[in-house]
Amino acid sequence: MTVKENESGKLFYSIGEVADIFGEETSLIRFWTNHFKDILNPKRNKKGNRLFSQQDVETVKLIHFLVRKQGMKLDGAYKRILENREGTIKNMDAIEILQNVKNQLLEIKKSI
């Protein structure tokens, strides 16, 4: 699962769109927004709906990686992001690249 580059030219994504990107329920994204409010603070429209910028989506991606993929607890993920956000992003990107290479190698193996 990767966050698509902003191909559509959208400035903001609804909470439903963000939930769909990560295959999660909107209630979980809402919960993460409340729990990580210092580092994840989407704008709200006049109706009060959350509007996530591309940077907010990248932050949700980081939270999703730490909590779902690495199995961290919320407080640990929060602390990791605050202390070493850039290092965590580099680690996440490296793991994502290695996972893609692994998938390509498995596809090659199947075709042989």
Protein backbone atom coordinates (compact mmCIF):
# COMPACT_ATOMS: atom_id res chain seq x y z
CA MET A 1 0.00 0.00 0.00
CA THR A 2 1.45 3.32 -0.99
CA VAL A 3 0.08 6.79 -0.83
CA LYS A 4 -0.46 7.95 -4.38
CA GLU A 5 1.23 11.13 -5.36
CA ASN A 6 -1.15 14.01 -5.63
CA GLU A 7 -2.00 13.11 -9.24
CA SER A 8 -5.51 14.47 -9.09
CA GLY A 9 -4.32 17.90 -8.01
CA LYS A 10 -6.48 17.69 -4.88
CA LEU A 11 -5.49 19.94 -2.05
CA PHE A 12 -7.51 18.13 0.60
CA TYR A 13 -8.90 14.65 1.18
CA SER A 14 -11.97 13.70 3.20
CA ILE A 15 -11.65 11.32 6.12
CA GLY A 16 -13.37 8.64 4.02
CA GLU A 17 -10.80 9.01 1.25
CA VAL A 18 -7.94 8.76 3.75
CA ALA A 19 -9.52 5.68 5.32
CA ASP A 20 -9.84 4.08 1.86
CA ILE A 21 -6.18 4.77 1.05
CA PHE A 22 -5.08 2.77 4.08
CA GLY A 23 -7.88 0.21 4.15
CA GLU A 24 -9.05 1.33 7.57
CA GLU A 25 -12.35 2.46 9.03
CA THR A 26 -13.07 6.17 9.28
CA SER A 27 -13.56 5.78 13.04
CA LEU A 28 -9.93 4.64 13.39
CA ILE A 29 -8.64 7.61 11.38
CA ARG A 30 -10.78 9.89 13.56
CA PHE A 31 -9.35 8.23 16.70
CA TRP A 32 -5.78 8.64 15.43
CA THR A 33 -6.52 12.29 14.64
CA ASN A 34 -7.61 12.84 18.24
CA HIS A 35 -4.75 10.85 19.76
CA PHE A 36 -2.01 12.42 17.60
CA LYS A 37 -3.48 15.92 17.68
CA ASP A 38 -0.09 17.61 18.16
CA ILE A 39 1.31 16.12 14.93
CA LEU A 40 -1.84 15.40 12.94
CA ASN A 41 -4.17 18.35 12.74
CA PRO A 42 -6.36 18.36 9.63
CA LYS A 43 -8.30 21.49 8.76
CA ARG A 44 -12.04 21.57 9.18
CA ASN A 45 -14.59 23.00 6.79
CA LYS A 46 -17.66 25.01 7.81
CA LYS A 47 -19.57 21.78 8.51
CA GLY A 48 -16.79 20.59 10.82
CA ASN A 49 -15.62 17.81 8.50
CA ARG A 50 -11.91 17.00 8.63
CA LEU A 51 -9.95 17.89 5.50
CA PHE A 52 -6.56 16.20 5.23
CA SER A 53 -3.74 17.85 3.29
CA GLN A 54 -1.09 15.77 1.51
CA GLN A 55 1.19 16.29 4.53
CA ASP A 56 -1.58 15.03 6.85
CA VAL A 57 -1.98 11.93 4.65
CA GLU A 58 1.78 11.32 4.89
CA THR A 59 1.53 11.59 8.69
CA VAL A 60 -1.33 9.06 8.70
CA LYS A 61 0.84 6.81 6.52
CA LEU A 62 3.61 7.04 9.12
CA ILE A 63 1.21 6.28 11.97
CA HIS A 64 -0.27 3.36 10.01
CA PHE A 65 3.23 1.97 9.39
CA LEU A 66 4.28 2.20 13.03
CA VAL A 67 1.04 0.89 14.53
CA ARG A 68 -0.13 -1.66 11.97
CA LYS A 69 3.10 -2.83 10.32
CA GLN A 70 5.58 -2.49 13.20
CA GLY A 71 3.07 -3.38 15.93
CA MET A 72 3.83 -0.37 18.11
CA LYS A 73 1.42 0.93 20.70
CA LEU A 74 -0.02 4.40 20.11
CA ASP A 75 2.07 6.10 22.80
CA GLY A 76 5.26 4.52 21.46
CA ALA A 77 4.44 5.58 17.90
CA TYR A 78 3.65 9.11 19.11
CA LYS A 79 6.98 9.31 20.94
CA ARG A 80 8.92 7.89 17.96
CA ILE A 81 7.41 10.44 15.57
CA LEU A 82 8.15 13.34 17.93
CA GLU A 83 11.73 12.25 18.62
CA ASN A 84 12.86 11.05 15.19
CA ARG A 85 10.33 11.73 12.46
CA GLU A 86 12.86 11.91 9.60
CA GLY A 87 14.64 8.73 10.64
CA THR A 88 11.33 6.92 10.95
CA ILE A 89 10.28 8.08 7.49
CA LYS A 90 13.59 6.86 6.01
CA ASN A 91 13.14 3.51 7.74
CA MET A 92 9.56 3.23 6.46
CA ASP A 93 10.64 4.08 2.91
CA ALA A 94 13.47 1.52 3.01
CA ILE A 95 11.13 -1.22 4.22
CA GLU A 96 8.60 -0.30 1.53
CA ILE A 97 11.28 -0.52 -1.20
CA LEU A 98 12.53 -3.87 0.11
CA GLN A 99 8.96 -5.20 0.22
CA ASN A 100 8.46 -4.17 -3.42
CA VAL A 101 11.71 -5.91 -4.43
CA LYS A 102 10.62 -9.03 -2.57
CA ASN A 103 7.25 -9.01 -4.34
CA GLN A 104 8.94 -8.61 -7.74
CA LEU A 105 11.30 -11.50 -7.01
CA LEU A 106 8.37 -13.69 -5.96
CA GLU A 107 6.61 -12.84 -9.23
CA ILE A 108 9.74 -13.79 -11.19
CA LYS A 109 9.97 -17.06 -9.26
CA LYS A 110 6.32 -17.87 -10.10
CA SER A 111 6.90 -17.27 -13.80
CA ILE A 112 9.85 -19.68 -13.96
